[in-house]
PDB file of N, CA and C in Angstrom:
ATOM      1  N   MET A   1     -31.829 248.049   4.822  1.00  0.00           N
ATOM      2  CA  MET A   1     -32.540 247.153   3.936  1.00  0.00           C
ATOM      3  C   MET A   1     -32.204 247.518   2.491  1.00  0.00           C
ATOM      4  N   THR A   2     -31.793 246.572   1.723  1.00  0.00           N
ATOM      5  CA  THR A   2     -31.407 246.795   0.341  1.00  0.00           C
ATOM      6  C   THR A   2     -32.596 246.579  -0.585  1.00  0.00           C
ATOM      7  N   PRO A   3     -32.893 247.548  -1.466  1.00  0.00           N
ATOM      8  CA  PRO A   3     -33.977 247.338  -2.418  1.00  0.00           C
ATOM      9  C   PRO A   3     -33.672 246.143  -3.316  1.00  0.00           C
ATOM     10  N   THR A   4     -34.686 245.370  -3.624  1.00  0.00           N
ATOM     11  CA  THR A   4     -34.507 244.244  -4.525  1.00  0.00           C
ATOM     12  C   THR A   4     -35.148 244.502  -5.874  1.00  0.00           C
ATOM     13  N   LEU A   5     -35.950 245.582  -5.968  1.00  0.00           N
ATOM     14  CA  LEU A   5     -36.601 245.944  -7.220  1.00  0.00           C
ATOM     15  C   LEU A   5     -36.441 247.437  -7.466  1.00  0.00           C
ATOM     16  N   LEU A   6     -36.284 247.788  -8.718  1.00  0.00           N
ATOM     17  CA  LEU A   6     -36.344 249.183  -9.124  1.00  0.00           C
ATOM     18  C   LEU A   6     -37.599 249.335  -9.962  1.00  0.00           C
ATOM     19  N   LEU A   7     -38.530 250.156  -9.500  1.00  0.00           N
ATOM     20  CA  LEU A   7     -39.737 250.452 -10.257  1.00  0.00           C
ATOM     21  C   LEU A   7     -39.522 251.793 -10.946  1.00  0.00           C
ATOM     22  N   ILE A   8     -39.660 251.802 -12.261  1.00  0.00           N
ATOM     23  CA  ILE A   8     -39.537 253.019 -13.055  1.00  0.00           C
ATOM     24  C   ILE A   8     -40.937 253.331 -13.551  1.00  0.00           C
ATOM     25  N   CYS A   9     -41.489 254.426 -13.060  1.00  0.00           N
ATOM     26  CA  CYS A   9     -42.884 254.753 -13.343  1.00  0.00           C
ATOM     27  C   CYS A   9     -42.956 256.110 -14.032  1.00  0.00           C
ATOM     28  N   VAL A  10     -43.503 256.141 -15.241  1.00  0.00           N
ATOM     29  CA  VAL A  10     -43.657 257.386 -15.998  1.00  0.00           C
ATOM     30  C   VAL A  10     -45.135 257.764 -15.969  1.00  0.00           C
ATOM     31  N   VAL A  11     -45.437 258.946 -15.409  1.00  0.00           N
ATOM     32  CA  VAL A  11     -46.829 259.404 -15.284  1.00  0.00           C
ATOM     33  C   VAL A  11     -46.961 260.811 -15.843  1.00  0.00           C
ATOM     34  N   ARG A  12     -48.178 261.217 -16.097  1.00  0.00           N
ATOM     35  CA  ARG A  12     -48.433 262.583 -16.563  1.00  0.00           C
ATOM     36  C   ARG A  12     -48.106 263.568 -15.443  1.00  0.00           C
ATOM     37  N   ASP A  13     -47.629 264.742 -15.798  1.00  0.00           N
ATOM     38  CA  ASP A  13     -47.317 265.770 -14.807  1.00  0.00           C
ATOM     39  C   ASP A  13     -48.507 266.062 -13.898  1.00  0.00           C
ATOM     40  N   GLN A  14     -49.703 266.025 -14.455  1.00  0.00           N
ATOM     41  CA  GLN A  14     -50.894 266.350 -13.656  1.00  0.00           C
ATOM     42  C   GLN A  14     -51.123 265.346 -12.531  1.00  0.00           C
ATOM     43  N   ASP A  15     -50.547 264.148 -12.614  1.00  0.00           N
ATOM     44  CA  ASP A  15     -50.686 263.138 -11.566  1.00  0.00           C
ATOM     45  C   ASP A  15     -49.464 263.058 -10.653  1.00  0.00           C
ATOM     46  N   ALA A  16     -48.380 263.713 -11.024  1.00  0.00           N
ATOM     47  CA  ALA A  16     -47.100 263.550 -10.320  1.00  0.00           C
ATOM     48  C   ALA A  16     -47.142 264.037  -8.877  1.00  0.00           C
ATOM     49  N   LEU A  17     -47.721 265.178  -8.622  1.00  0.00           N
ATOM     50  CA  LEU A  17     -47.758 265.715  -7.259  1.00  0.00           C
ATOM     51  C   LEU A  17     -48.576 264.811  -6.340  1.00  0.00           C
ATOM     52  N   ARG A  18     -49.724 264.362  -6.833  1.00  0.00           N
ATOM     53  CA  ARG A  18     -50.577 263.465  -6.049  1.00  0.00           C
ATOM     54  C   ARG A  18     -49.843 262.167  -5.738  1.00  0.00           C
ATOM     55  N   LEU A  19     -49.129 261.616  -6.718  1.00  0.00           N
ATOM     56  CA  LEU A  19     -48.373 260.380  -6.510  1.00  0.00           C
ATOM     57  C   LEU A  19     -47.234 260.606  -5.515  1.00  0.00           C
ATOM     58  N   ALA A  20     -46.497 261.698  -5.655  1.00  0.00           N
ATOM     59  CA  ALA A  20     -45.387 261.991  -4.742  1.00  0.00           C
ATOM     60  C   ALA A  20     -45.885 262.115  -3.307  1.00  0.00           C
ATOM     61  N   ASP A  21     -46.998 262.813  -3.107  1.00  0.00           N
ATOM     62  CA  ASP A  21     -47.562 262.963  -1.760  1.00  0.00           C
ATOM     63  C   ASP A  21     -47.983 261.616  -1.179  1.00  0.00           C
ATOM     64  N   ALA A  22     -48.614 260.782  -1.988  1.00  0.00           N
ATOM     65  CA  ALA A  22     -49.081 259.475  -1.516  1.00  0.00           C
ATOM     66  C   ALA A  22     -47.911 258.553  -1.176  1.00  0.00           C
ATOM     67  N   LEU A  23     -46.847 258.600  -1.977  1.00  0.00           N
ATOM     68  CA  LEU A  23     -45.662 257.780  -1.682  1.00  0.00           C
ATOM     69  C   LEU A  23     -45.010 258.244  -0.374  1.00  0.00           C
ATOM     70  N   ARG A  24     -44.914 259.560  -0.176  1.00  0.00           N
ATOM     71  CA  ARG A  24     -44.339 260.093   1.069  1.00  0.00           C
ATOM     72  C   ARG A  24     -45.150 259.656   2.283  1.00  0.00           C
ATOM     73  N   GLU A  25     -46.481 259.696   2.169  1.00  0.00           N
ATOM     74  CA  GLU A  25     -47.353 259.275   3.272  1.00  0.00           C
ATOM     75  C   GLU A  25     -47.105 257.826   3.676  1.00  0.00           C
ATOM     76  N   LYS A  26     -46.764 256.988   2.698  1.00  0.00           N
ATOM     77  CA  LYS A  26     -46.491 255.572   2.969  1.00  0.00           C
ATOM     78  C   LYS A  26     -45.039 255.332   3.378  1.00  0.00           C
ATOM     79  N   GLY A  27     -44.224 256.403   3.394  1.00  0.00           N
ATOM     80  CA  GLY A  27     -42.817 256.263   3.761  1.00  0.00           C
ATOM     81  C   GLY A  27     -41.967 255.611   2.692  1.00  0.00           C
ATOM     82  N   ILE A  28     -42.380 255.745   1.451  1.00  0.00           N
ATOM     83  CA  ILE A  28     -41.664 255.134   0.329  1.00  0.00           C
ATOM     84  C   ILE A  28     -40.785 256.189  -0.329  1.00  0.00           C
ATOM     85  N   ALA A  29     -39.484 255.937  -0.354  1.00  0.00           N
ATOM     86  CA  ALA A  29     -38.532 256.876  -0.951  1.00  0.00           C
ATOM     87  C   ALA A  29     -38.566 256.754  -2.471  1.00  0.00           C
ATOM     88  N   PHE A  30     -38.298 257.866  -3.145  1.00  0.00           N
ATOM     89  CA  PHE A  30     -38.292 257.879  -4.605  1.00  0.00           C
ATOM     90  C   PHE A  30     -37.418 259.015  -5.092  1.00  0.00           C
ATOM     91  N   THR A  31     -37.040 258.945  -6.353  1.00  0.00           N
ATOM     92  CA  THR A  31     -36.370 260.029  -7.053  1.00  0.00           C
ATOM     93  C   THR A  31     -37.270 260.416  -8.210  1.00  0.00           C
ATOM     94  N   LYS A  32     -37.467 261.705  -8.409  1.00  0.00           N
ATOM     95  CA  LYS A  32     -38.378 262.217  -9.426  1.00  0.00           C
ATOM     96  C   LYS A  32     -37.572 262.917 -10.511  1.00  0.00           C
ATOM     97  N   LEU A  33     -37.846 262.591 -11.765  1.00  0.00           N
ATOM     98  CA  LEU A  33     -37.161 263.189 -12.915  1.00  0.00           C
ATOM     99  C   LEU A  33     -38.186 263.801 -13.863  1.00  0.00           C
ATOM    100  N   ALA A  34     -37.928 264.979 -14.380  1.00  0.00           N
ATOM    101  CA  ALA A  34     -38.797 265.576 -15.391  1.00  0.00           C
ATOM    102  C   ALA A  34     -38.530 264.899 -16.728  1.00  0.00           C
ATOM    103  N   SER A  35     -39.577 264.648 -17.488  1.00  0.00           N
ATOM    104  CA  SER A  35     -39.429 264.052 -18.813  1.00  0.00           C
ATOM    105  C   SER A  35     -40.514 264.631 -19.720  1.00  0.00           C
ATOM    106  N   THR A  36     -40.395 264.410 -21.023  1.00  0.00           N
ATOM    107  CA  THR A  36     -41.381 264.945 -21.962  1.00  0.00           C
ATOM    108  C   THR A  36     -41.783 263.880 -22.960  1.00  0.00           C
ATOM    109  N   GLY A  37     -42.877 264.177 -23.667  1.00  0.00           N
ATOM    110  CA  GLY A  37     -43.336 263.284 -24.718  1.00  0.00           C
ATOM    111  C   GLY A  37     -44.802 262.979 -24.564  1.00  0.00           C
ATOM    112  N   GLY A  38     -45.318 262.215 -25.494  1.00  0.00           N
ATOM    113  CA  GLY A  38     -46.688 261.755 -25.389  1.00  0.00           C
ATOM    114  C   GLY A  38     -47.678 262.589 -26.173  1.00  0.00           C
ATOM    115  N   PHE A  39     -48.899 262.100 -26.172  1.00  0.00           N
ATOM    116  CA  PHE A  39     -50.017 262.728 -26.862  1.00  0.00           C
ATOM    117  C   PHE A  39     -50.304 264.100 -26.269  1.00  0.00           C
ATOM    118  N   LEU A  40     -50.681 265.049 -27.090  1.00  0.00           N
ATOM    119  CA  LEU A  40     -50.978 266.435 -26.718  1.00  0.00           C
ATOM    120  C   LEU A  40     -49.761 267.168 -26.157  1.00  0.00           C
ATOM    121  N   LYS A  41     -48.581 266.606 -26.309  1.00  0.00           N
ATOM    122  CA  LYS A  41     -47.311 267.224 -25.935  1.00  0.00           C
ATOM    123  C   LYS A  41     -47.290 267.704 -24.487  1.00  0.00           C
ATOM    124  N   GLU A  42     -47.878 266.943 -23.611  1.00  0.00           N
ATOM    125  CA  GLU A  42     -47.874 267.291 -22.194  1.00  0.00           C
ATOM    126  C   GLU A  42     -46.644 266.694 -21.539  1.00  0.00           C
ATOM    127  N   GLY A  43     -46.197 267.313 -20.475  1.00  0.00           N
ATOM    128  CA  GLY A  43     -45.027 266.829 -19.767  1.00  0.00           C
ATOM    129  C   GLY A  43     -45.314 265.566 -18.972  1.00  0.00           C
ATOM    130  N   ASN A  44     -44.267 264.836 -18.706  1.00  0.00           N
ATOM    131  CA  ASN A  44     -44.341 263.626 -17.893  1.00  0.00           C
ATOM    132  C   ASN A  44     -43.357 263.743 -16.748  1.00  0.00           C
ATOM    133  N   THR A  45     -43.557 262.927 -15.747  1.00  0.00           N
ATOM    134  CA  THR A  45     -42.617 262.813 -14.645  1.00  0.00           C
ATOM    135  C   THR A  45     -42.264 261.346 -14.500  1.00  0.00           C
ATOM    136  N   THR A  46     -40.972 261.061 -14.350  1.00  0.00           N
ATOM    137  CA  THR A  46     -40.510 259.696 -14.164  1.00  0.00           C
ATOM    138  C   THR A  46     -40.088 259.521 -12.711  1.00  0.00           C
ATOM    139  N   PHE A  47     -40.638 258.507 -12.067  1.00  0.00           N
ATOM    140  CA  PHE A  47     -40.302 258.172 -10.685  1.00  0.00           C
ATOM    141  C   PHE A  47     -39.405 256.942 -10.681  1.00  0.00           C
ATOM    142  N   LEU A  48     -38.308 257.016  -9.942  1.00  0.00           N
ATOM    143  CA  LEU A  48     -37.444 255.863  -9.701  1.00  0.00           C
ATOM    144  C   LEU A  48     -37.682 255.457  -8.248  1.00  0.00           C
ATOM    145  N   ILE A  49     -38.180 254.242  -8.054  1.00  0.00           N
ATOM    146  CA  ILE A  49     -38.574 253.800  -6.721  1.00  0.00           C
ATOM    147  C   ILE A  49     -37.885 252.471  -6.425  1.00  0.00           C
ATOM    148  N   GLY A  50     -36.979 252.468  -5.445  1.00  0.00           N
ATOM    149  CA  GLY A  50     -36.321 251.235  -5.016  1.00  0.00           C
ATOM    150  C   GLY A  50     -37.106 250.626  -3.863  1.00  0.00           C
ATOM    151  N   VAL A  51     -37.586 249.393  -4.029  1.00  0.00           N
ATOM    152  CA  VAL A  51     -38.411 248.758  -2.999  1.00  0.00           C
ATOM    153  C   VAL A  51     -37.984 247.317  -2.755  1.00  0.00           C
ATOM    154  N   ASP A  52     -38.350 246.841  -1.586  1.00  0.00           N
ATOM    155  CA  ASP A  52     -38.206 245.442  -1.243  1.00  0.00           C
ATOM    156  C   ASP A  52     -39.390 244.690  -1.851  1.00  0.00           C
ATOM    157  N   GLU A  53     -39.236 243.405  -2.112  1.00  0.00           N
ATOM    158  CA  GLU A  53     -40.331 242.598  -2.679  1.00  0.00           C
ATOM    159  C   GLU A  53     -41.624 242.768  -1.888  1.00  0.00           C
ATOM    160  N   GLY A  54     -41.517 242.858  -0.556  1.00  0.00           N
ATOM    161  CA  GLY A  54     -42.695 242.966   0.293  1.00  0.00           C
ATOM    162  C   GLY A  54     -43.465 244.264   0.131  1.00  0.00           C
ATOM    163  N   GLN A  55     -42.819 245.307  -0.368  1.00  0.00           N
ATOM    164  CA  GLN A  55     -43.469 246.606  -0.568  1.00  0.00           C
ATOM    165  C   GLN A  55     -44.075 246.753  -1.957  1.00  0.00           C
ATOM    166  N   ARG A  56     -43.773 245.842  -2.836  1.00  0.00           N
ATOM    167  CA  ARG A  56     -44.162 245.953  -4.246  1.00  0.00           C
ATOM    168  C   ARG A  56     -45.660 246.216  -4.411  1.00  0.00           C
ATOM    169  N   GLU A  57     -46.499 245.385  -3.811  1.00  0.00           N
ATOM    170  CA  GLU A  57     -47.951 245.522  -3.997  1.00  0.00           C
ATOM    171  C   GLU A  57     -48.476 246.825  -3.417  1.00  0.00           C
ATOM    172  N   THR A  58     -47.908 247.281  -2.308  1.00  0.00           N
ATOM    173  CA  THR A  58     -48.313 248.554  -1.717  1.00  0.00           C
ATOM    174  C   THR A  58     -48.020 249.697  -2.678  1.00  0.00           C
ATOM    175  N   VAL A  59     -46.820 249.690  -3.237  1.00  0.00           N
ATOM    176  CA  VAL A  59     -46.429 250.748  -4.172  1.00  0.00           C
ATOM    177  C   VAL A  59     -47.308 250.714  -5.425  1.00  0.00           C
ATOM    178  N   LEU A  60     -47.558 249.527  -5.953  1.00  0.00           N
ATOM    179  CA  LEU A  60     -48.405 249.420  -7.148  1.00  0.00           C
ATOM    180  C   LEU A  60     -49.818 249.929  -6.868  1.00  0.00           C
ATOM    181  N   ALA A  61     -50.347 249.637  -5.691  1.00  0.00           N
ATOM    182  CA  ALA A  61     -51.688 250.118  -5.331  1.00  0.00           C
ATOM    183  C   ALA A  61     -51.721 251.642  -5.268  1.00  0.00           C
ATOM    184  N   VAL A  62     -50.672 252.238  -4.708  1.00  0.00           N
ATOM    185  CA  VAL A  62     -50.589 253.708  -4.628  1.00  0.00           C
ATOM    186  C   VAL A  62     -50.538 254.300  -6.032  1.00  0.00           C
ATOM    187  N   ILE A  63     -49.721 253.729  -6.897  1.00  0.00           N
ATOM    188  CA  ILE A  63     -49.601 254.234  -8.271  1.00  0.00           C
ATOM    189  C   ILE A  63     -50.942 254.124  -8.991  1.00  0.00           C
ATOM    190  N   ARG A  64     -51.591 252.977  -8.880  1.00  0.00           N
ATOM    191  CA  ARG A  64     -52.891 252.786  -9.555  1.00  0.00           C
ATOM    192  C   ARG A  64     -53.936 253.774  -9.048  1.00  0.00           C
ATOM    193  N   ALA A  65     -53.942 254.029  -7.743  1.00  0.00           N
ATOM    194  CA  ALA A  65     -54.928 254.950  -7.162  1.00  0.00           C
ATOM    195  C   ALA A  65     -54.699 256.392  -7.603  1.00  0.00           C
ATOM    196  N   CYS A  66     -53.449 256.783  -7.752  1.00  0.00           N
ATOM    197  CA  CYS A  66     -53.123 258.178  -8.070  1.00  0.00           C
ATOM    198  C   CYS A  66     -53.075 258.478  -9.562  1.00  0.00           C
ATOM    199  N   CYS A  67     -52.899 257.463 -10.378  1.00  0.00           N
ATOM    200  CA  CYS A  67     -52.622 257.707 -11.799  1.00  0.00           C
ATOM    201  C   CYS A  67     -53.581 256.973 -12.734  1.00  0.00           C
ATOM    202  N   ALA A  68     -54.806 256.760 -12.300  1.00  0.00           N
ATOM    203  CA  ALA A  68     -55.775 256.042 -13.131  1.00  0.00           C
ATOM    204  C   ALA A  68     -56.118 256.844 -14.387  1.00  0.00           C
ATOM    205  N   ARG A  69     -56.413 256.133 -15.456  1.00  0.00           N
ATOM    206  CA  ARG A  69     -56.846 256.799 -16.686  1.00  0.00           C
ATOM    207  C   ARG A  69     -58.247 257.354 -16.497  1.00  0.00           C
ATOM    208  N   ARG A  70     -58.507 258.472 -17.156  1.00  0.00           N
ATOM    209  CA  ARG A  70     -59.821 259.080 -17.087  1.00  0.00           C
ATOM    210  C   ARG A  70     -60.089 259.836 -18.383  1.00  0.00           C
ATOM    211  N   GLU A  71     -61.358 259.990 -18.710  1.00  0.00           N
ATOM    212  CA  GLU A  71     -61.731 260.744 -19.907  1.00  0.00           C
ATOM    213  C   GLU A  71     -61.862 262.216 -19.559  1.00  0.00           C
ATOM    214  N   GLU A  72     -61.316 263.066 -20.426  1.00  0.00           N
ATOM    215  CA  GLU A  72     -61.482 264.507 -20.275  1.00  0.00           C
ATOM    216  C   GLU A  72     -61.862 265.080 -21.627  1.00  0.00           C
ATOM    217  N   ILE A  73     -62.544 266.202 -21.604  1.00  0.00           N
ATOM    218  CA  ILE A  73     -62.933 266.868 -22.841  1.00  0.00           C
ATOM    219  C   ILE A  73     -61.971 268.031 -23.068  1.00  0.00           C
ATOM    220  N   VAL A  74     -61.355 268.054 -24.262  1.00  0.00           N
ATOM    221  CA  VAL A  74     -60.416 269.116 -24.623  1.00  0.00           C
ATOM    222  C   VAL A  74     -60.798 269.660 -25.991  1.00  0.00           C
ATOM    223  N   GLU A  75     -60.281 270.844 -26.311  1.00  0.00           N
ATOM    224  CA  GLU A  75     -60.507 271.388 -27.646  1.00  0.00           C
ATOM    225  C   GLU A  75     -59.571 270.711 -28.628  1.00  0.00           C
ATOM    226  N   SER A  76     -60.109 270.362 -29.768  1.00  0.00           N
ATOM    227  CA  SER A  76     -59.341 269.695 -30.806  1.00  0.00           C
ATOM    228  C   SER A  76     -58.238 270.614 -31.311  1.00  0.00           C
ATOM    229  N   PRO A  77     -56.973 270.110 -31.366  1.00  0.00           N
ATOM    230  CA  PRO A  77     -55.888 270.953 -31.875  1.00  0.00           C
ATOM    231  C   PRO A  77     -55.922 271.103 -33.393  1.00  0.00           C
ATOM    232  N   LEU A  78     -56.721 270.282 -34.089  1.00  0.00           N
ATOM    233  CA  LEU A  78     -56.811 270.319 -35.551  1.00  0.00           C
ATOM    234  C   LEU A  78     -58.271 270.394 -35.970  1.00  0.00           C
ATOM    235  N   PRO A  79     -58.559 271.030 -37.101  1.00  0.00           N
ATOM    236  CA  PRO A  79     -59.944 271.044 -37.559  1.00  0.00           C
ATOM    237  C   PRO A  79     -60.392 269.629 -37.924  1.00  0.00           C
ATOM    238  N   VAL A  80     -61.600 269.286 -37.522  1.00  0.00           N
ATOM    239  CA  VAL A  80     -62.108 267.948 -37.830  1.00  0.00           C
ATOM    240  C   VAL A  80     -63.295 268.000 -38.788  1.00  0.00           C
ATOM    241  N   ASN A  81     -63.728 269.216 -39.192  1.00  0.00           N
ATOM    242  CA  ASN A  81     -64.860 269.318 -40.104  1.00  0.00           C
ATOM    243  C   ASN A  81     -64.359 269.479 -41.534  1.00  0.00           C
ATOM    244  N   GLU A  82     -65.092 268.933 -42.466  1.00  0.00           N
ATOM    245  CA  GLU A  82     -64.753 269.009 -43.876  1.00  0.00           C
ATOM    246  C   GLU A  82     -65.753 269.925 -44.563  1.00  0.00           C
ATOM    247  N   PRO A  83     -65.484 270.576 -45.622  1.00  0.00           N
ATOM    248  CA  PRO A  83     -64.166 270.879 -46.161  1.00  0.00           C
ATOM    249  C   PRO A  83     -63.440 271.884 -45.268  1.00  0.00           C
ATOM    250  N   ILE A  84     -62.140 272.001 -45.491  1.00  0.00           N
ATOM    251  CA  ILE A  84     -61.339 272.922 -44.695  1.00  0.00           C
ATOM    252  C   ILE A  84     -61.828 274.338 -44.970  1.00  0.00           C
ATOM    253  N   GLY A  85     -62.217 274.987 -43.931  1.00  0.00           N
ATOM    254  CA  GLY A  85     -62.701 276.358 -44.030  1.00  0.00           C
ATOM    255  C   GLY A  85     -62.286 277.075 -42.774  1.00  0.00           C
ATOM    256  N   PRO A  86     -63.101 277.992 -42.316  1.00  0.00           N
ATOM    257  CA  PRO A  86     -62.761 278.666 -41.059  1.00  0.00           C
ATOM    258  C   PRO A  86     -62.660 277.629 -39.934  1.00  0.00           C
ATOM    259  N   PHE A  87     -61.606 277.751 -39.155  1.00  0.00           N
ATOM    260  CA  PHE A  87     -61.372 276.776 -38.087  1.00  0.00           C
ATOM    261  C   PHE A  87     -62.256 277.079 -36.884  1.00  0.00           C
ATOM    262  N   VAL A  88     -63.066 276.125 -36.532  1.00  0.00           N
ATOM    263  CA  VAL A  88     -63.892 276.222 -35.335  1.00  0.00           C
ATOM    264  C   VAL A  88     -63.458 275.078 -34.427  1.00  0.00           C
ATOM    265  N   PRO A  89     -62.821 275.401 -33.302  1.00  0.00           N
ATOM    266  CA  PRO A  89     -62.363 274.328 -32.426  1.00  0.00           C
ATOM    267  C   PRO A  89     -63.535 273.441 -31.993  1.00  0.00           C
ATOM    268  N   GLN A  90     -63.296 272.155 -31.980  1.00  0.00           N
ATOM    269  CA  GLN A  90     -64.315 271.203 -31.564  1.00  0.00           C
ATOM    270  C   GLN A  90     -63.860 270.536 -30.279  1.00  0.00           C
ATOM    271  N   LYS A  91     -64.799 270.220 -29.445  1.00  0.00           N
ATOM    272  CA  LYS A  91     -64.478 269.521 -28.205  1.00  0.00           C
ATOM    273  C   LYS A  91     -64.467 268.026 -28.491  1.00  0.00           C
ATOM    274  N   ILE A  92     -63.398 267.354 -28.013  1.00  0.00           N
ATOM    275  CA  ILE A  92     -63.290 265.909 -28.190  1.00  0.00           C
ATOM    276  C   ILE A  92     -62.931 265.267 -26.855  1.00  0.00           C
ATOM    277  N   LYS A  93     -63.295 264.003 -26.714  1.00  0.00           N
ATOM    278  CA  LYS A  93     -62.938 263.244 -25.514  1.00  0.00           C
ATOM    279  C   LYS A  93     -61.588 262.587 -25.735  1.00  0.00           C
ATOM    280  N   VAL A  94     -60.715 262.692 -24.745  1.00  0.00           N
ATOM    281  CA  VAL A  94     -59.419 262.014 -24.790  1.00  0.00           C
ATOM    282  C   VAL A  94     -59.182 261.325 -23.455  1.00  0.00           C
ATOM    283  N   LEU A  95     -58.396 260.262 -23.499  1.00  0.00           N
ATOM    284  CA  LEU A  95     -57.992 259.594 -22.266  1.00  0.00           C
ATOM    285  C   LEU A  95     -56.790 260.321 -21.706  1.00  0.00           C
ATOM    286  N   LYS A  96     -56.845 260.667 -20.429  1.00  0.00           N
ATOM    287  CA  LYS A  96     -55.719 261.317 -19.769  1.00  0.00           C
ATOM    288  C   LYS A  96     -55.344 260.516 -18.543  1.00  0.00           C
ATOM    289  N   GLY A  97     -54.192 260.829 -18.020  1.00  0.00           N
ATOM    290  CA  GLY A  97     -53.717 260.101 -16.853  1.00  0.00           C
ATOM    291  C   GLY A  97     -53.097 258.788 -17.277  1.00  0.00           C
ATOM    292  N   GLY A  98     -53.026 257.882 -16.348  1.00  0.00           N
ATOM    293  CA  GLY A  98     -52.376 256.614 -16.648  1.00  0.00           C
ATOM    294  C   GLY A  98     -50.881 256.774 -16.617  1.00  0.00           C
ATOM    295  N   GLY A  99     -50.212 255.744 -16.957  1.00  0.00           N
ATOM    296  CA  GLY A  99     -48.759 255.788 -16.944  1.00  0.00           C
ATOM    297  C   GLY A  99     -48.177 254.480 -17.423  1.00  0.00           C
ATOM    298  N   VAL A 100     -46.878 254.378 -17.324  1.00  0.00           N
ATOM    299  CA  VAL A 100     -46.151 253.180 -17.720  1.00  0.00           C
ATOM    300  C   VAL A 100     -45.244 252.805 -16.562  1.00  0.00           C
ATOM    301  N   LEU A 101     -45.207 251.520 -16.245  1.00  0.00           N
ATOM    302  CA  LEU A 101     -44.384 251.041 -15.138  1.00  0.00           C
ATOM    303  C   LEU A 101     -43.448 249.946 -15.629  1.00  0.00           C
ATOM    304  N   PHE A 102     -42.181 250.083 -15.285  1.00  0.00           N
ATOM    305  CA  PHE A 102     -41.178 249.057 -15.574  1.00  0.00           C
ATOM    306  C   PHE A 102     -40.662 248.534 -14.237  1.00  0.00           C
ATOM    307  N   GLU A 103     -40.500 247.233 -14.138  1.00  0.00           N
ATOM    308  CA  GLU A 103     -39.959 246.622 -12.924  1.00  0.00           C
ATOM    309  C   GLU A 103     -38.643 245.948 -13.286  1.00  0.00           C
ATOM    310  N   VAL A 104     -37.583 246.349 -12.587  1.00  0.00           N
ATOM    311  CA  VAL A 104     -36.245 245.847 -12.880  1.00  0.00           C
ATOM    312  C   VAL A 104     -35.665 245.230 -11.608  1.00  0.00           C
ATOM    313  N   PRO A 105     -35.232 243.977 -11.660  1.00  0.00           N
ATOM    314  CA  PRO A 105     -34.600 243.396 -10.473  1.00  0.00           C
ATOM    315  C   PRO A 105     -33.250 244.067 -10.206  1.00  0.00           C
ATOM    316  N   VAL A 106     -32.937 244.292  -8.935  1.00  0.00           N
ATOM    317  CA  VAL A 106     -31.686 244.939  -8.549  1.00  0.00           C
ATOM    318  C   VAL A 106     -30.718 243.860  -8.059  1.00  0.00           C
ATOM    319  N   MET A 107     -29.586 243.771  -8.700  1.00  0.00           N
ATOM    320  CA  MET A 107     -28.586 242.779  -8.325  1.00  0.00           C
ATOM    321  C   MET A 107     -27.611 243.344  -7.276  1.00  0.00           C
ATOM    322  N   TYR A 108     -27.416 244.641  -7.349  1.00  0.00           N
ATOM    323  CA  TYR A 108     -26.460 245.269  -6.433  1.00  0.00           C
ATOM    324  C   TYR A 108     -26.933 246.680  -6.156  1.00  0.00           C
ATOM    325  N   TYR A 109     -26.723 247.124  -4.907  1.00  0.00           N
ATOM    326  CA  TYR A 109     -27.141 248.455  -4.514  1.00  0.00           C
ATOM    327  C   TYR A 109     -26.167 248.962  -3.464  1.00  0.00           C
ATOM    328  N   GLU A 110     -25.746 250.212  -3.607  1.00  0.00           N
ATOM    329  CA  GLU A 110     -24.849 250.802  -2.615  1.00  0.00           C
ATOM    330  C   GLU A 110     -25.242 252.254  -2.418  1.00  0.00           C
ATOM    331  N   ARG A 111     -25.354 252.663  -1.166  1.00  0.00           N
ATOM    332  CA  ARG A 111     -25.698 254.045  -0.856  1.00  0.00           C
ATOM    333  C   ARG A 111     -24.427 254.786  -0.455  1.00  0.00           C
ATOM    334  N   PHE A 112     -24.199 255.977  -1.008  1.00  0.00           N
ATOM    335  CA  PHE A 112     -22.998 256.763  -0.701  1.00  0.00           C
ATOM    336  C   PHE A 112     -23.337 257.868   0.249  1.00  0.00           C
TER     337      PHE A 112
END
């Protein structure tokens, strides 16, 4: 069966293992690449997933379940109190998780 779509999914490293396990359970093949960037300088993982049109919704459901955004409390990397004086780290809420998904139609595919 030839994939008709390439899904490129960039997720936070903290969600990557959970997503990889869930994709394996569904029998969905993928290639995983390490990547960097984003807020708080945390690592990302990029998944390349070749799927048939019929598998698209299943894969999207797995990604949404494993990589949902959530609020977490972290220590502020910068002082937020004025005037600048002794630095006392403050706890702030940030959104973590989530990801970015690109869907690319595949015109040709060959396995070596």
